[in-house]
C-alpha atoms as a PDB file:
ATOM      1  CA  GLN A   1     -35.015  31.589  97.217  1.00  0.00           C
ATOM      2  CA  VAL A   2     -37.084  28.742  95.855  1.00  0.00           C
ATOM      3  CA  GLN A   3     -35.536  26.706  93.092  1.00  0.00           C
ATOM      4  CA  LEU A   4     -36.965  23.780  91.191  1.00  0.00           C
ATOM      5  CA  ALA A   5     -34.939  21.447  89.002  1.00  0.00           C
ATOM      6  CA  GLU A   6     -36.456  18.718  86.852  1.00  0.00           C
ATOM      7  CA  SER A   7     -34.696  15.566  85.730  1.00  0.00           C
ATOM      8  CA  GLY A   8     -35.475  12.209  84.226  1.00  0.00           C
ATOM      9  CA  GLY A   9     -36.905  13.151  80.863  1.00  0.00           C
ATOM     10  CA  GLY A  10     -35.849  11.515  77.623  1.00  0.00           C
ATOM     11  CA  PRO A  11     -37.011   9.383  74.730  1.00  0.00           C
ATOM     12  CA  VAL A  12     -39.405   6.481  75.283  1.00  0.00           C
ATOM     13  CA  GLN A  13     -41.503   4.292  73.029  1.00  0.00           C
ATOM     14  CA  ALA A  14     -45.270   4.405  73.056  1.00  0.00           C
ATOM     15  CA  GLY A  15     -46.663   2.176  75.759  1.00  0.00           C
ATOM     16  CA  GLY A  16     -43.568   2.601  77.880  1.00  0.00           C
ATOM     17  CA  SER A  17     -43.037   4.221  81.256  1.00  0.00           C
ATOM     18  CA  LEU A  18     -40.951   7.081  82.564  1.00  0.00           C
ATOM     19  CA  ARG A  19     -40.494   8.833  85.898  1.00  0.00           C
ATOM     20  CA  ILE A  20     -39.532  12.468  86.087  1.00  0.00           C
ATOM     21  CA  THR A  21     -38.426  14.178  89.262  1.00  0.00           C
ATOM     22  CA  CYS A  22     -38.362  17.737  90.522  1.00  0.00           C
ATOM     23  CA  ALA A  23     -35.847  18.602  93.224  1.00  0.00           C
ATOM     24  CA  ALA A  24     -36.987  21.549  95.330  1.00  0.00           C
ATOM     25  CA  SER A  25     -34.847  23.847  97.430  1.00  0.00           C
ATOM     26  CA  GLY A  26     -35.737  26.875  99.510  1.00  0.00           C
ATOM     27  CA  GLN A  27     -39.222  25.558 100.299  1.00  0.00           C
ATOM     28  CA  SER A  28     -40.537  22.221 101.509  1.00  0.00           C
ATOM     29  CA  VAL A  29     -42.733  20.219  99.136  1.00  0.00           C
ATOM     30  CA  ARG A  30     -44.974  19.744 102.170  1.00  0.00           C
ATOM     31  CA  THR A  31     -45.949  23.361 102.471  1.00  0.00           C
ATOM     32  CA  SER A  32     -47.473  24.338  99.153  1.00  0.00           C
ATOM     33  CA  CYS A  33     -49.391  23.050  96.189  1.00  0.00           C
ATOM     34  CA  MET A  34     -47.011  21.558  93.650  1.00  0.00           C
ATOM     35  CA  ALA A  35     -47.784  20.633  90.087  1.00  0.00           C
ATOM     36  CA  TRP A  36     -46.540  19.364  86.770  1.00  0.00           C
ATOM     37  CA  PHE A  37     -47.293  21.231  83.565  1.00  0.00           C
ATOM     38  CA  ARG A  38     -46.312  20.446  80.008  1.00  0.00           C
ATOM     39  CA  GLN A  39     -45.875  22.470  76.877  1.00  0.00           C
ATOM     40  CA  VAL A  40     -45.436  21.743  73.203  1.00  0.00           C
ATOM     41  CA  PRO A  41     -44.136  24.291  70.705  1.00  0.00           C
ATOM     42  CA  GLY A  42     -46.730  26.861  69.719  1.00  0.00           C
ATOM     43  CA  LYS A  43     -49.093  26.079  72.578  1.00  0.00           C
ATOM     44  CA  GLY A  44     -49.579  27.288  76.106  1.00  0.00           C
ATOM     45  CA  ARG A  45     -48.679  25.327  79.197  1.00  0.00           C
ATOM     46  CA  GLU A  46     -51.103  22.572  80.073  1.00  0.00           C
ATOM     47  CA  ALA A  47     -51.600  21.416  83.644  1.00  0.00           C
ATOM     48  CA  VAL A  48     -50.983  17.701  84.042  1.00  0.00           C
ATOM     49  CA  ALA A  49     -51.250  16.984  87.769  1.00  0.00           C
ATOM     50  CA  ALA A  50     -51.037  18.681  91.144  1.00  0.00           C
ATOM     51  CA  VAL A  51     -50.765  17.650  94.768  1.00  0.00           C
ATOM     52  CA  TRP A  52     -51.300  19.289  98.129  1.00  0.00           C
ATOM     53  CA  PHE A  53     -49.394  17.429 100.811  1.00  0.00           C
ATOM     54  CA  GLY A  54     -51.573  18.734 103.652  1.00  0.00           C
ATOM     55  CA  THR A  55     -54.602  16.650 102.668  1.00  0.00           C
ATOM     56  CA  GLY A  56     -53.022  14.284 100.177  1.00  0.00           C
ATOM     57  CA  THR A  57     -55.362  15.660  97.523  1.00  0.00           C
ATOM     58  CA  THR A  58     -54.281  15.081  93.957  1.00  0.00           C
ATOM     59  CA  HIS A  59     -55.606  16.472  90.705  1.00  0.00           C
ATOM     60  CA  TYR A  60     -55.138  15.177  87.162  1.00  0.00           C
ATOM     61  CA  VAL A  61     -56.092  16.362  83.729  1.00  0.00           C
ATOM     62  CA  ASP A  62     -58.511  13.898  82.144  1.00  0.00           C
ATOM     63  CA  SER A  63     -56.084  12.792  79.452  1.00  0.00           C
ATOM     64  CA  VAL A  64     -53.623  11.320  81.975  1.00  0.00           C
ATOM     65  CA  LYS A  65     -55.970   9.890  84.591  1.00  0.00           C
ATOM     66  CA  GLY A  66     -55.176   6.253  85.265  1.00  0.00           C
ATOM     67  CA  ARG A  67     -51.777   6.544  83.556  1.00  0.00           C
ATOM     68  CA  PHE A  68     -49.872   9.184  85.528  1.00  0.00           C
ATOM     69  CA  THR A  69     -49.247   9.370  89.265  1.00  0.00           C
ATOM     70  CA  ILE A  70     -47.976  12.435  91.098  1.00  0.00           C
ATOM     71  CA  SER A  71     -46.213  11.953  94.406  1.00  0.00           C
ATOM     72  CA  GLN A  72     -43.841  13.613  96.827  1.00  0.00           C
ATOM     73  CA  ASP A  73     -40.813  12.351  98.699  1.00  0.00           C
ATOM     74  CA  THR A  74     -40.651  14.533 101.763  1.00  0.00           C
ATOM     75  CA  ASP A  75     -37.305  13.112 102.875  1.00  0.00           C
ATOM     76  CA  LYS A  76     -35.665  14.104  99.605  1.00  0.00           C
ATOM     77  CA  ASN A  77     -37.892  17.138  99.090  1.00  0.00           C
ATOM     78  CA  THR A  78     -38.802  16.039  95.600  1.00  0.00           C
ATOM     79  CA  LEU A  79     -41.907  15.900  93.451  1.00  0.00           C
ATOM     80  CA  ASP A  80     -42.253  12.935  91.108  1.00  0.00           C
ATOM     81  CA  LEU A  81     -44.430  12.105  88.138  1.00  0.00           C
ATOM     82  CA  GLU A  82     -44.692   8.446  87.245  1.00  0.00           C
ATOM     83  CA  MET A  83     -45.935   8.107  83.677  1.00  0.00           C
ATOM     84  CA  ARG A  84     -47.194   4.815  82.262  1.00  0.00           C
ATOM     85  CA  ASP A  85     -48.687   3.730  78.956  1.00  0.00           C
ATOM     86  CA  LEU A  86     -47.166   6.779  77.335  1.00  0.00           C
ATOM     87  CA  LYS A  87     -48.576   8.045  74.055  1.00  0.00           C
ATOM     88  CA  PRO A  88     -46.997  10.221  71.366  1.00  0.00           C
ATOM     89  CA  GLU A  89     -49.333  13.037  72.385  1.00  0.00           C
ATOM     90  CA  ASP A  90     -47.659  13.043  75.810  1.00  0.00           C
ATOM     91  CA  SER A  91     -44.501  14.373  74.185  1.00  0.00           C
ATOM     92  CA  ALA A  92     -43.720  17.798  75.599  1.00  0.00           C
ATOM     93  CA  VAL A  93     -41.437  19.761  77.859  1.00  0.00           C
ATOM     94  CA  TYR A  94     -42.556  18.988  81.392  1.00  0.00           C
ATOM     95  CA  TYR A  95     -42.276  21.708  84.015  1.00  0.00           C
ATOM     96  CA  CYS A  96     -42.417  21.492  87.769  1.00  0.00           C
ATOM     97  CA  ALA A  97     -44.261  24.342  89.492  1.00  0.00           C
ATOM     98  CA  ALA A  98     -44.926  25.400  93.050  1.00  0.00           C
ATOM     99  CA  ARG A  99     -47.223  27.896  94.681  1.00  0.00           C
ATOM    100  CA  GLY A 100     -46.102  30.146  97.490  1.00  0.00           C
ATOM    101  CA  GLN A 101     -45.684  28.755 100.946  1.00  0.00           C
ATOM    102  CA  PHE A 102     -48.900  27.467 102.534  1.00  0.00           C
ATOM    103  CA  GLN A 103     -50.882  28.020  99.341  1.00  0.00           C
ATOM    104  CA  THR A 104     -53.147  25.080  98.544  1.00  0.00           C
ATOM    105  CA  CYS A 105     -54.140  23.895  95.088  1.00  0.00           C
ATOM    106  CA  GLY A 106     -57.819  24.819  95.106  1.00  0.00           C
ATOM    107  CA  VAL A 107     -60.358  24.516  92.346  1.00  0.00           C
ATOM    108  CA  ASN A 108     -58.167  26.370  89.841  1.00  0.00           C
ATOM    109  CA  TRP A 109     -55.204  24.067  90.357  1.00  0.00           C
ATOM    110  CA  ASP A 110     -54.696  23.972  86.598  1.00  0.00           C
ATOM    111  CA  GLY A 111     -54.135  27.685  86.159  1.00  0.00           C
ATOM    112  CA  ASP A 112     -50.479  28.382  85.505  1.00  0.00           C
ATOM    113  CA  TRP A 113     -50.913  31.943  86.797  1.00  0.00           C
ATOM    114  CA  LYS A 114     -51.379  30.552  90.291  1.00  0.00           C
ATOM    115  CA  TYR A 115     -47.851  29.186  90.506  1.00  0.00           C
ATOM    116  CA  ASP A 116     -44.979  31.313  91.696  1.00  0.00           C
ATOM    117  CA  TYR A 117     -41.996  29.121  90.995  1.00  0.00           C
ATOM    118  CA  TRP A 118     -41.016  27.129  87.927  1.00  0.00           C
ATOM    119  CA  GLY A 119     -38.276  24.768  86.914  1.00  0.00           C
ATOM    120  CA  GLN A 120     -36.423  24.884  83.632  1.00  0.00           C
ATOM    121  CA  GLY A 121     -38.239  21.888  82.171  1.00  0.00           C
ATOM    122  CA  THR A 122     -37.337  18.424  80.988  1.00  0.00           C
ATOM    123  CA  GLN A 123     -38.133  17.037  77.545  1.00  0.00           C
ATOM    124  CA  VAL A 124     -40.193  13.874  77.205  1.00  0.00           C
ATOM    125  CA  THR A 125     -40.425  12.411  73.708  1.00  0.00           C
ATOM    126  CA  VAL A 126     -42.692   9.452  73.016  1.00  0.00           C
ATOM    127  CA  SER A 127     -42.191   7.701  69.698  1.00  0.00           C
ATOM    128  CA  SER A 128     -44.798   5.545  68.034  1.00  0.00           C
END
């Protein structure tokens, strides 16, 4: 059984930095596309970033390019999101997601329907 557990969220001032982490169990972070999504109340989940370990390919939504970095720690089996120069509009619940084993990210990496496993989310609140 695949389980994902996010941690590291919290309050931060605009312009600050924060790292959130997703601990995976039941499946290696090496073997499937993994992603971060975020959601604010009343809106659908928005893809933030994704990574496929096999080729090292990463994907980012335009609004976070140059500010966020997605990475994996294969020793710890974790997925990280380093967030810099945070803005109030980055405030959201951030979710870790994983596709099934050996499933790559592909061109529709940002479609939440493609992901089979989800964490419970961690709140990030950026104050101005």
